[in-house]
Structure formats: C-alpha cells, structure tokens
Amino acid sequence: MKSKVELNSNGVNYLRKGESPVILDETNLRTKLLTERGDKANIFEVSNELMKLWFSES
C-alpha cells in the first residue's frame, strides 16, 4: 500500500507520495494510520473511502 498523494495539515507533512504508512486500526468507516520519519511519528485517521482514492495496492 503506497500513497498516491501527499497529506499536509498546518505545515506538518503527515504523508509523502509513495510512502507506505502502517495501519494501526481499521473499522467499517475509518482507518487509523501511522507514519514514522526519523524521530517523528504521526498518527492520523482517514475514511475508508479516501483510502481507496489515496492509496494503491502495490
């Protein structure tokens, strides 16, 4: 699962294009993701609908 988009929030780069986050929790509606870059860890949630748009299976 690699990201197709970059995700930014208030200047914090949660996700870079081509990055593969770790899935922490997956429910019927939302998925909680973790990205780690050096000593920085970001946890964020996206809807499963956006997961299909933002991520590829490869």
N, C-alpha and C. Protein backbone atom coordinates (compact mmCIF):
# COMPACT_ATOMS: atom_id res chain seq x y z
N MET A 1 0.84 -1.18 0.00
CA MET A 1 0.00 0.00 0.00
C MET A 1 0.89 1.24 0.00
N LYS A 2 0.92 1.92 -1.12
CA LYS A 2 1.70 3.15 -1.22
C LYS A 2 0.77 4.33 -1.48
N SER A 3 1.10 5.47 -0.89
CA SER A 3 0.24 6.63 -1.05
C SER A 3 0.38 7.24 -2.44
N LYS A 4 -0.74 7.72 -2.97
CA LYS A 4 -0.77 8.39 -4.27
C LYS A 4 -0.69 9.91 -4.10
N VAL A 5 -0.89 10.38 -2.88
CA VAL A 5 -0.95 11.82 -2.61
C VAL A 5 -0.07 12.17 -1.41
N GLU A 6 0.18 13.47 -1.26
CA GLU A 6 0.81 13.97 -0.04
C GLU A 6 -0.29 14.52 0.85
N LEU A 7 -0.16 14.32 2.14
CA LEU A 7 -1.16 14.81 3.08
C LEU A 7 -0.48 15.75 4.07
N ASN A 8 -0.93 16.99 4.06
CA ASN A 8 -0.36 18.01 4.95
C ASN A 8 -1.45 18.57 5.83
N SER A 9 -1.09 18.97 7.04
CA SER A 9 -2.01 19.63 7.94
C SER A 9 -1.24 20.68 8.72
N ASN A 10 -1.57 21.94 8.52
CA ASN A 10 -0.92 23.04 9.24
C ASN A 10 0.61 22.97 9.15
N GLY A 11 1.11 22.67 7.97
CA GLY A 11 2.55 22.65 7.77
C GLY A 11 3.23 21.36 8.17
N VAL A 12 2.48 20.41 8.76
CA VAL A 12 3.05 19.12 9.14
C VAL A 12 2.80 18.15 7.99
N ASN A 13 3.86 17.56 7.50
CA ASN A 13 3.72 16.60 6.40
C ASN A 13 3.48 15.22 7.00
N TYR A 14 2.21 14.82 7.05
CA TYR A 14 1.85 13.52 7.62
C TYR A 14 2.27 12.39 6.70
N LEU A 15 2.16 12.63 5.40
CA LEU A 15 2.32 11.56 4.44
C LEU A 15 2.94 12.10 3.18
N ARG A 16 3.92 11.40 2.66
CA ARG A 16 4.55 11.77 1.39
C ARG A 16 4.10 10.82 0.30
N LYS A 17 4.07 11.31 -0.91
CA LYS A 17 3.70 10.46 -2.04
C LYS A 17 4.68 9.29 -2.13
N GLY A 18 4.15 8.09 -2.29
CA GLY A 18 4.99 6.90 -2.37
C GLY A 18 5.33 6.28 -1.04
N GLU A 19 4.94 6.94 0.05
CA GLU A 19 5.23 6.42 1.39
C GLU A 19 4.20 5.34 1.75
N SER A 20 4.63 4.37 2.54
CA SER A 20 3.74 3.30 2.98
C SER A 20 3.53 3.40 4.48
N PRO A 21 2.39 3.93 4.93
CA PRO A 21 2.13 4.01 6.36
C PRO A 21 1.74 2.67 6.94
N VAL A 22 1.80 2.56 8.26
CA VAL A 22 1.39 1.36 8.98
C VAL A 22 -0.07 1.53 9.37
N ILE A 23 -0.89 0.51 9.13
CA ILE A 23 -2.29 0.55 9.54
C ILE A 23 -2.36 0.13 11.01
N LEU A 24 -2.83 1.03 11.86
CA LEU A 24 -2.95 0.74 13.29
C LEU A 24 -4.30 0.13 13.63
N ASP A 25 -5.35 0.65 12.98
CA ASP A 25 -6.70 0.18 13.30
C ASP A 25 -7.58 0.41 12.08
N GLU A 26 -8.41 -0.56 11.77
CA GLU A 26 -9.30 -0.44 10.62
C GLU A 26 -10.70 -0.81 11.06
N THR A 27 -11.63 0.15 10.95
CA THR A 27 -13.03 -0.11 11.29
C THR A 27 -13.83 -0.09 10.00
N ASN A 28 -15.15 -0.15 10.14
CA ASN A 28 -16.01 -0.14 8.96
C ASN A 28 -15.93 1.19 8.21
N LEU A 29 -15.68 2.28 8.92
CA LEU A 29 -15.73 3.60 8.29
C LEU A 29 -14.38 4.29 8.19
N ARG A 30 -13.49 4.05 9.15
CA ARG A 30 -12.24 4.81 9.19
C ARG A 30 -11.04 3.89 9.40
N THR A 31 -9.89 4.38 8.94
CA THR A 31 -8.63 3.67 9.13
C THR A 31 -7.65 4.59 9.83
N LYS A 32 -7.01 4.11 10.89
CA LYS A 32 -6.00 4.89 11.61
C LYS A 32 -4.63 4.48 11.09
N LEU A 33 -3.83 5.47 10.68
CA LEU A 33 -2.53 5.22 10.07
C LEU A 33 -1.41 5.84 10.88
N LEU A 34 -0.22 5.26 10.77
CA LEU A 34 0.98 5.77 11.43
C LEU A 34 2.07 5.93 10.38
N THR A 35 2.71 7.11 10.38
CA THR A 35 3.91 7.30 9.58
C THR A 35 5.05 7.67 10.51
N GLU A 36 6.21 7.13 10.25
CA GLU A 36 7.40 7.44 11.05
C GLU A 36 8.50 7.92 10.12
N ARG A 37 9.10 9.04 10.49
CA ARG A 37 10.19 9.61 9.71
C ARG A 37 11.24 10.09 10.70
N GLY A 38 12.31 9.33 10.83
CA GLY A 38 13.31 9.67 11.84
C GLY A 38 12.71 9.51 13.22
N ASP A 39 12.78 10.59 14.03
CA ASP A 39 12.21 10.52 15.38
C ASP A 39 10.80 11.09 15.44
N LYS A 40 10.23 11.42 14.30
CA LYS A 40 8.87 11.98 14.25
C LYS A 40 7.88 10.88 13.88
N ALA A 41 6.82 10.77 14.64
CA ALA A 41 5.74 9.83 14.34
C ALA A 41 4.44 10.60 14.24
N ASN A 42 3.67 10.33 13.21
CA ASN A 42 2.38 10.97 13.02
C ASN A 42 1.30 9.89 12.95
N ILE A 43 0.25 10.10 13.72
CA ILE A 43 -0.91 9.21 13.68
C ILE A 43 -2.09 10.03 13.19
N PHE A 44 -2.79 9.51 12.20
CA PHE A 44 -3.95 10.22 11.68
C PHE A 44 -4.96 9.21 11.18
N GLU A 45 -6.21 9.70 11.02
CA GLU A 45 -7.28 8.83 10.55
C GLU A 45 -7.82 9.36 9.24
N VAL A 46 -8.17 8.44 8.36
CA VAL A 46 -8.83 8.80 7.11
C VAL A 46 -10.02 7.87 6.92
N SER A 47 -11.00 8.34 6.16
CA SER A 47 -12.15 7.48 5.88
C SER A 47 -11.72 6.39 4.91
N ASN A 48 -12.42 5.27 4.95
CA ASN A 48 -12.08 4.17 4.05
C ASN A 48 -12.32 4.55 2.59
N GLU A 49 -13.25 5.47 2.36
CA GLU A 49 -13.49 5.96 1.01
C GLU A 49 -12.25 6.69 0.48
N LEU A 50 -11.63 7.52 1.34
CA LEU A 50 -10.41 8.22 0.93
C LEU A 50 -9.23 7.27 0.80
N MET A 51 -9.21 6.21 1.60
CA MET A 51 -8.14 5.22 1.48
C MET A 51 -8.09 4.67 0.06
N LYS A 52 -9.26 4.39 -0.52
CA LYS A 52 -9.32 3.86 -1.88
C LYS A 52 -8.78 4.87 -2.88
N LEU A 53 -9.05 6.16 -2.64
CA LEU A 53 -8.59 7.20 -3.56
C LEU A 53 -7.11 7.51 -3.38
N TRP A 54 -6.65 7.49 -2.15
CA TRP A 54 -5.29 7.96 -1.84
C TRP A 54 -4.21 6.91 -1.93
N PHE A 55 -4.60 5.62 -1.89
CA PHE A 55 -3.60 4.56 -1.84
C PHE A 55 -3.76 3.56 -2.96
N SER A 56 -2.63 3.03 -3.40
CA SER A 56 -2.65 1.94 -4.37
C SER A 56 -2.27 0.65 -3.63
N GLU A 57 -2.60 -0.47 -4.21
CA GLU A 57 -2.35 -1.76 -3.56
C GLU A 57 -0.90 -2.19 -3.65
N SER A 58 -0.18 -1.66 -4.61
CA SER A 58 1.21 -2.12 -4.83
C SER A 58 2.18 -1.53 -3.83
